[in-house]
Amino acid sequence: MVREYGEKTDYSRVMLPVTEKMCYDEAVWFYQYMLLGTKEDMDDIVDAIVKIQEHADEIAS
């Protein structure tokens, strides 16, 4: 079915299993309140992300 421009999407009928798996099982979500801390808090978050990235192979196995 081809949708016409401007036609509303019925999201209750949209199935995106790969996207849903990534969101629920493979993503890291940062809530807005987590980013309201001090510069030191932000540095800690960045350091943690870098540490995960550096050890990704180890974590995956």
PDB file of N, CA and C in Angstrom:
ATOM      1  N   MET A   1       0.835  -1.178   0.000  1.00  0.00           N
ATOM      2  CA  MET A   1       0.000   0.000   0.000  1.00  0.00           C
ATOM      3  C   MET A   1       0.889   1.255   0.000  1.00  0.00           C
ATOM      4  N   VAL A   2       0.622   2.153  -0.876  1.00  0.00           N
ATOM      5  CA  VAL A   2       1.370   3.403  -0.956  1.00  0.00           C
ATOM      6  C   VAL A   2       0.609   4.468  -0.169  1.00  0.00           C
ATOM      7  N   ARG A   3       1.317   5.116   0.714  1.00  0.00           N
ATOM      8  CA  ARG A   3       0.703   6.192   1.488  1.00  0.00           C
ATOM      9  C   ARG A   3       0.818   7.494   0.714  1.00  0.00           C
ATOM     10  N   GLU A   4      -0.187   8.287   0.842  1.00  0.00           N
ATOM     11  CA  GLU A   4      -0.174   9.616   0.230  1.00  0.00           C
ATOM     12  C   GLU A   4       0.504  10.596   1.178  1.00  0.00           C
ATOM     13  N   TYR A   5       1.156  11.607   0.616  1.00  0.00           N
ATOM     14  CA  TYR A   5       1.784  12.640   1.426  1.00  0.00           C
ATOM     15  C   TYR A   5       0.739  13.279   2.328  1.00  0.00           C
ATOM     16  N   GLY A   6       1.087  13.406   3.612  1.00  0.00           N
ATOM     17  CA  GLY A   6       0.192  14.041   4.564  1.00  0.00           C
ATOM     18  C   GLY A   6      -0.751  13.077   5.241  1.00  0.00           C
ATOM     19  N   GLU A   7      -0.811  11.845   4.756  1.00  0.00           N
ATOM     20  CA  GLU A   7      -1.675  10.839   5.384  1.00  0.00           C
ATOM     21  C   GLU A   7      -1.072  10.445   6.734  1.00  0.00           C
ATOM     22  N   LYS A   8      -1.911  10.328   7.734  1.00  0.00           N
ATOM     23  CA  LYS A   8      -1.430   9.990   9.072  1.00  0.00           C
ATOM     24  C   LYS A   8      -1.077   8.513   9.154  1.00  0.00           C
ATOM     25  N   THR A   9      -0.016   8.204   9.888  1.00  0.00           N
ATOM     26  CA  THR A   9       0.415   6.830  10.097  1.00  0.00           C
ATOM     27  C   THR A   9      -0.268   6.274  11.335  1.00  0.00           C
ATOM     28  N   ASP A  10      -0.765   5.060  11.230  1.00  0.00           N
ATOM     29  CA  ASP A  10      -1.347   4.365  12.378  1.00  0.00           C
ATOM     30  C   ASP A  10      -0.225   3.576  13.042  1.00  0.00           C
ATOM     31  N   TYR A  11       0.429   4.182  14.033  1.00  0.00           N
ATOM     32  CA  TYR A  11       1.591   3.566  14.662  1.00  0.00           C
ATOM     33  C   TYR A  11       1.253   2.312  15.444  1.00  0.00           C
ATOM     34  N   SER A  12      -0.006   2.078  15.754  1.00  0.00           N
ATOM     35  CA  SER A  12      -0.383   0.844  16.432  1.00  0.00           C
ATOM     36  C   SER A  12      -0.241  -0.356  15.493  1.00  0.00           C
ATOM     37  N   ARG A  13      -0.118  -0.099  14.196  1.00  0.00           N
ATOM     38  CA  ARG A  13       0.023  -1.176  13.216  1.00  0.00           C
ATOM     39  C   ARG A  13       1.446  -1.303  12.691  1.00  0.00           C
ATOM     40  N   VAL A  14       2.349  -0.457  13.124  1.00  0.00           N
ATOM     41  CA  VAL A  14       3.733  -0.478  12.654  1.00  0.00           C
ATOM     42  C   VAL A  14       4.518  -1.493  13.477  1.00  0.00           C
ATOM     43  N   MET A  15       5.192  -2.403  12.813  1.00  0.00           N
ATOM     44  CA  MET A  15       6.010  -3.412  13.478  1.00  0.00           C
ATOM     45  C   MET A  15       7.473  -3.203  13.070  1.00  0.00           C
ATOM     46  N   LEU A  16       8.317  -2.937  14.042  1.00  0.00           N
ATOM     47  CA  LEU A  16       9.739  -2.701  13.786  1.00  0.00           C
ATOM     48  C   LEU A  16      10.572  -3.555  14.752  1.00  0.00           C
ATOM     49  N   PRO A  17      10.623  -4.874  14.551  1.00  0.00           N
ATOM     50  CA  PRO A  17      11.272  -5.756  15.520  1.00  0.00           C
ATOM     51  C   PRO A  17      12.753  -5.474  15.733  1.00  0.00           C
ATOM     52  N   VAL A  18      13.479  -5.125  14.686  1.00  0.00           N
ATOM     53  CA  VAL A  18      14.915  -4.854  14.851  1.00  0.00           C
ATOM     54  C   VAL A  18      15.115  -3.581  15.671  1.00  0.00           C
ATOM     55  N   THR A  19      14.355  -2.559  15.368  1.00  0.00           N
ATOM     56  CA  THR A  19      14.436  -1.306  16.116  1.00  0.00           C
ATOM     57  C   THR A  19      14.055  -1.518  17.573  1.00  0.00           C
ATOM     58  N   GLU A  20      12.987  -2.280  17.809  1.00  0.00           N
ATOM     59  CA  GLU A  20      12.554  -2.544  19.178  1.00  0.00           C
ATOM     60  C   GLU A  20      13.612  -3.329  19.948  1.00  0.00           C
ATOM     61  N   LYS A  21      14.252  -4.317  19.314  1.00  0.00           N
ATOM     62  CA  LYS A  21      15.309  -5.086  19.983  1.00  0.00           C
ATOM     63  C   LYS A  21      16.473  -4.163  20.357  1.00  0.00           C
ATOM     64  N   MET A  22      16.854  -3.303  19.420  1.00  0.00           N
ATOM     65  CA  MET A  22      17.954  -2.384  19.705  1.00  0.00           C
ATOM     66  C   MET A  22      17.608  -1.476  20.883  1.00  0.00           C
ATOM     67  N   CYS A  23      16.397  -0.961  20.906  1.00  0.00           N
ATOM     68  CA  CYS A  23      15.998  -0.034  21.968  1.00  0.00           C
ATOM     69  C   CYS A  23      15.954  -0.712  23.330  1.00  0.00           C
ATOM     70  N   TYR A  24      15.416  -1.937  23.370  1.00  0.00           N
ATOM     71  CA  TYR A  24      15.209  -2.602  24.653  1.00  0.00           C
ATOM     72  C   TYR A  24      16.414  -3.399  25.123  1.00  0.00           C
ATOM     73  N   ASP A  25      17.222  -3.915  24.190  1.00  0.00           N
ATOM     74  CA  ASP A  25      18.290  -4.835  24.579  1.00  0.00           C
ATOM     75  C   ASP A  25      19.701  -4.322  24.325  1.00  0.00           C
ATOM     76  N   GLU A  26      19.854  -3.368  23.428  1.00  0.00           N
ATOM     77  CA  GLU A  26      21.204  -3.040  22.984  1.00  0.00           C
ATOM     78  C   GLU A  26      21.566  -1.560  23.084  1.00  0.00           C
ATOM     79  N   ALA A  27      20.689  -0.739  23.581  1.00  0.00           N
ATOM     80  CA  ALA A  27      20.947   0.701  23.614  1.00  0.00           C
ATOM     81  C   ALA A  27      21.205   1.183  25.041  1.00  0.00           C
ATOM     82  N   VAL A  28      21.831   2.292  25.127  1.00  0.00           N
ATOM     83  CA  VAL A  28      22.019   2.975  26.403  1.00  0.00           C
ATOM     84  C   VAL A  28      21.217   4.263  26.327  1.00  0.00           C
ATOM     85  N   TRP A  29      20.311   4.432  27.250  1.00  0.00           N
ATOM     86  CA  TRP A  29      19.442   5.606  27.255  1.00  0.00           C
ATOM     87  C   TRP A  29      19.861   6.537  28.378  1.00  0.00           C
ATOM     88  N   PHE A  30      20.038   7.794  28.066  1.00  0.00           N
ATOM     89  CA  PHE A  30      20.349   8.802  29.072  1.00  0.00           C
ATOM     90  C   PHE A  30      19.125   9.680  29.250  1.00  0.00           C
ATOM     91  N   TYR A  31      18.615   9.698  30.434  1.00  0.00           N
ATOM     92  CA  TYR A  31      17.480  10.552  30.724  1.00  0.00           C
ATOM     93  C   TYR A  31      17.960  11.980  30.935  1.00  0.00           C
ATOM     94  N   GLN A  32      17.120  12.930  30.661  1.00  0.00           N
ATOM     95  CA  GLN A  32      17.484  14.342  30.723  1.00  0.00           C
ATOM     96  C   GLN A  32      18.054  14.711  32.086  1.00  0.00           C
ATOM     97  N   TYR A  33      17.475  14.194  33.168  1.00  0.00           N
ATOM     98  CA  TYR A  33      17.944  14.569  34.503  1.00  0.00           C
ATOM     99  C   TYR A  33      19.366  14.098  34.767  1.00  0.00           C
ATOM    100  N   MET A  34      19.813  13.075  34.039  1.00  0.00           N
ATOM    101  CA  MET A  34      21.185  12.596  34.227  1.00  0.00           C
ATOM    102  C   MET A  34      22.201  13.614  33.723  1.00  0.00           C
ATOM    103  N   LEU A  35      21.777  14.491  32.849  1.00  0.00           N
ATOM    104  CA  LEU A  35      22.690  15.455  32.248  1.00  0.00           C
ATOM    105  C   LEU A  35      22.601  16.829  32.899  1.00  0.00           C
ATOM    106  N   LEU A  36      22.019  16.886  34.078  1.00  0.00           N
ATOM    107  CA  LEU A  36      21.883  18.162  34.782  1.00  0.00           C
ATOM    108  C   LEU A  36      22.922  18.333  35.891  1.00  0.00           C
ATOM    109  N   GLY A  37      23.859  17.415  35.957  1.00  0.00           N
ATOM    110  CA  GLY A  37      24.853  17.467  37.024  1.00  0.00           C
ATOM    111  C   GLY A  37      25.968  18.459  36.743  1.00  0.00           C
ATOM    112  N   THR A  38      27.009  18.300  37.503  1.00  0.00           N
ATOM    113  CA  THR A  38      28.183  19.170  37.374  1.00  0.00           C
ATOM    114  C   THR A  38      29.047  18.726  36.197  1.00  0.00           C
ATOM    115  N   LYS A  39      30.051  19.512  35.883  1.00  0.00           N
ATOM    116  CA  LYS A  39      30.996  19.122  34.836  1.00  0.00           C
ATOM    117  C   LYS A  39      31.676  17.816  35.213  1.00  0.00           C
ATOM    118  N   GLU A  40      31.964  17.637  36.473  1.00  0.00           N
ATOM    119  CA  GLU A  40      32.599  16.399  36.939  1.00  0.00           C
ATOM    120  C   GLU A  40      31.681  15.200  36.696  1.00  0.00           C
ATOM    121  N   ASP A  41      30.377  15.399  36.906  1.00  0.00           N
ATOM    122  CA  ASP A  41      29.414  14.331  36.630  1.00  0.00           C
ATOM    123  C   ASP A  41      29.426  13.971  35.144  1.00  0.00           C
ATOM    124  N   MET A  42      29.467  14.992  34.295  1.00  0.00           N
ATOM    125  CA  MET A  42      29.494  14.750  32.848  1.00  0.00           C
ATOM    126  C   MET A  42      30.787  14.034  32.457  1.00  0.00           C
ATOM    127  N   ASP A  43      31.897  14.433  33.064  1.00  0.00           N
ATOM    128  CA  ASP A  43      33.174  13.773  32.799  1.00  0.00           C
ATOM    129  C   ASP A  43      33.103  12.304  33.203  1.00  0.00           C
ATOM    130  N   ASP A  44      32.446  11.994  34.309  1.00  0.00           N
ATOM    131  CA  ASP A  44      32.289  10.604  34.754  1.00  0.00           C
ATOM    132  C   ASP A  44      31.487   9.795  33.743  1.00  0.00           C
ATOM    133  N   ILE A  45      30.436  10.383  33.198  1.00  0.00           N
ATOM    134  CA  ILE A  45      29.620   9.697  32.194  1.00  0.00           C
ATOM    135  C   ILE A  45      30.455   9.432  30.944  1.00  0.00           C
ATOM    136  N   VAL A  46      31.198  10.433  30.499  1.00  0.00           N
ATOM    137  CA  VAL A  46      32.040  10.268  29.314  1.00  0.00           C
ATOM    138  C   VAL A  46      33.101   9.203  29.570  1.00  0.00           C
ATOM    139  N   ASP A  47      33.733   9.234  30.728  1.00  0.00           N
ATOM    140  CA  ASP A  47      34.753   8.239  31.064  1.00  0.00           C
ATOM    141  C   ASP A  47      34.167   6.826  31.050  1.00  0.00           C
ATOM    142  N   ALA A  48      32.961   6.674  31.559  1.00  0.00           N
ATOM    143  CA  ALA A  48      32.314   5.364  31.573  1.00  0.00           C
ATOM    144  C   ALA A  48      32.034   4.873  30.155  1.00  0.00           C
ATOM    145  N   ILE A  49      31.568   5.764  29.294  1.00  0.00           N
ATOM    146  CA  ILE A  49      31.288   5.386  27.901  1.00  0.00           C
ATOM    147  C   ILE A  49      32.571   4.990  27.191  1.00  0.00           C
ATOM    148  N   VAL A  50      33.624   5.755  27.389  1.00  0.00           N
ATOM    149  CA  VAL A  50      34.913   5.444  26.774  1.00  0.00           C
ATOM    150  C   VAL A  50      35.416   4.094  27.272  1.00  0.00           C
ATOM    151  N   LYS A  51      35.280   3.829  28.547  1.00  0.00           N
ATOM    152  CA  LYS A  51      35.723   2.560  29.119  1.00  0.00           C
ATOM    153  C   LYS A  51      34.953   1.387  28.499  1.00  0.00           C
ATOM    154  N   ILE A  52      33.661   1.547  28.341  1.00  0.00           N
ATOM    155  CA  ILE A  52      32.854   0.498  27.703  1.00  0.00           C
ATOM    156  C   ILE A  52      33.315   0.290  26.271  1.00  0.00           C
ATOM    157  N   GLN A  53      33.531   1.381  25.557  1.00  0.00           N
ATOM    158  CA  GLN A  53      33.961   1.289  24.157  1.00  0.00           C
ATOM    159  C   GLN A  53      35.317   0.593  24.051  1.00  0.00           C
ATOM    160  N   GLU A  54      36.237   0.938  24.928  1.00  0.00           N
ATOM    161  CA  GLU A  54      37.576   0.344  24.900  1.00  0.00           C
ATOM    162  C   GLU A  54      37.544  -1.154  25.188  1.00  0.00           C
ATOM    163  N   HIS A  55      36.564  -1.610  25.952  1.00  0.00           N
ATOM    164  CA  HIS A  55      36.483  -3.023  26.341  1.00  0.00           C
ATOM    165  C   HIS A  55      35.326  -3.750  25.667  1.00  0.00           C
ATOM    166  N   ALA A  56      34.829  -3.219  24.559  1.00  0.00           N
ATOM    167  CA  ALA A  56      33.657  -3.788  23.897  1.00  0.00           C
ATOM    168  C   ALA A  56      33.871  -5.248  23.495  1.00  0.00           C
ATOM    169  N   ASP A  57      35.038  -5.589  22.978  1.00  0.00           N
ATOM    170  CA  ASP A  57      35.297  -6.980  22.576  1.00  0.00           C
ATOM    171  C   ASP A  57      35.236  -7.908  23.781  1.00  0.00           C
ATOM    172  N   GLU A  58      35.809  -7.460  24.861  1.00  0.00           N
ATOM    173  CA  GLU A  58      35.817  -8.251  26.091  1.00  0.00           C
ATOM    174  C   GLU A  58      34.395  -8.430  26.638  1.00  0.00           C
ATOM    175  N   ILE A  59      33.621  -7.377  26.595  1.00  0.00           N
ATOM    176  CA  ILE A  59      32.240  -7.410  27.100  1.00  0.00           C
ATOM    177  C   ILE A  59      31.395  -8.334  26.234  1.00  0.00           C
ATOM    178  N   ALA A  60      31.589  -8.293  24.914  1.00  0.00           N
ATOM    179  CA  ALA A  60      30.782  -9.080  23.992  1.00  0.00           C
ATOM    180  C   ALA A  60      31.012 -10.576  24.131  1.00  0.00           C
ATOM    181  N   SER A  61      32.190 -10.967  24.575  1.00  0.00           N
ATOM    182  CA  SER A  61      32.486 -12.411  24.661  1.00  0.00           C
ATOM    183  C   SER A  61      32.106 -13.029  25.982  1.00  0.00           C
TER     184      SER A  61
END
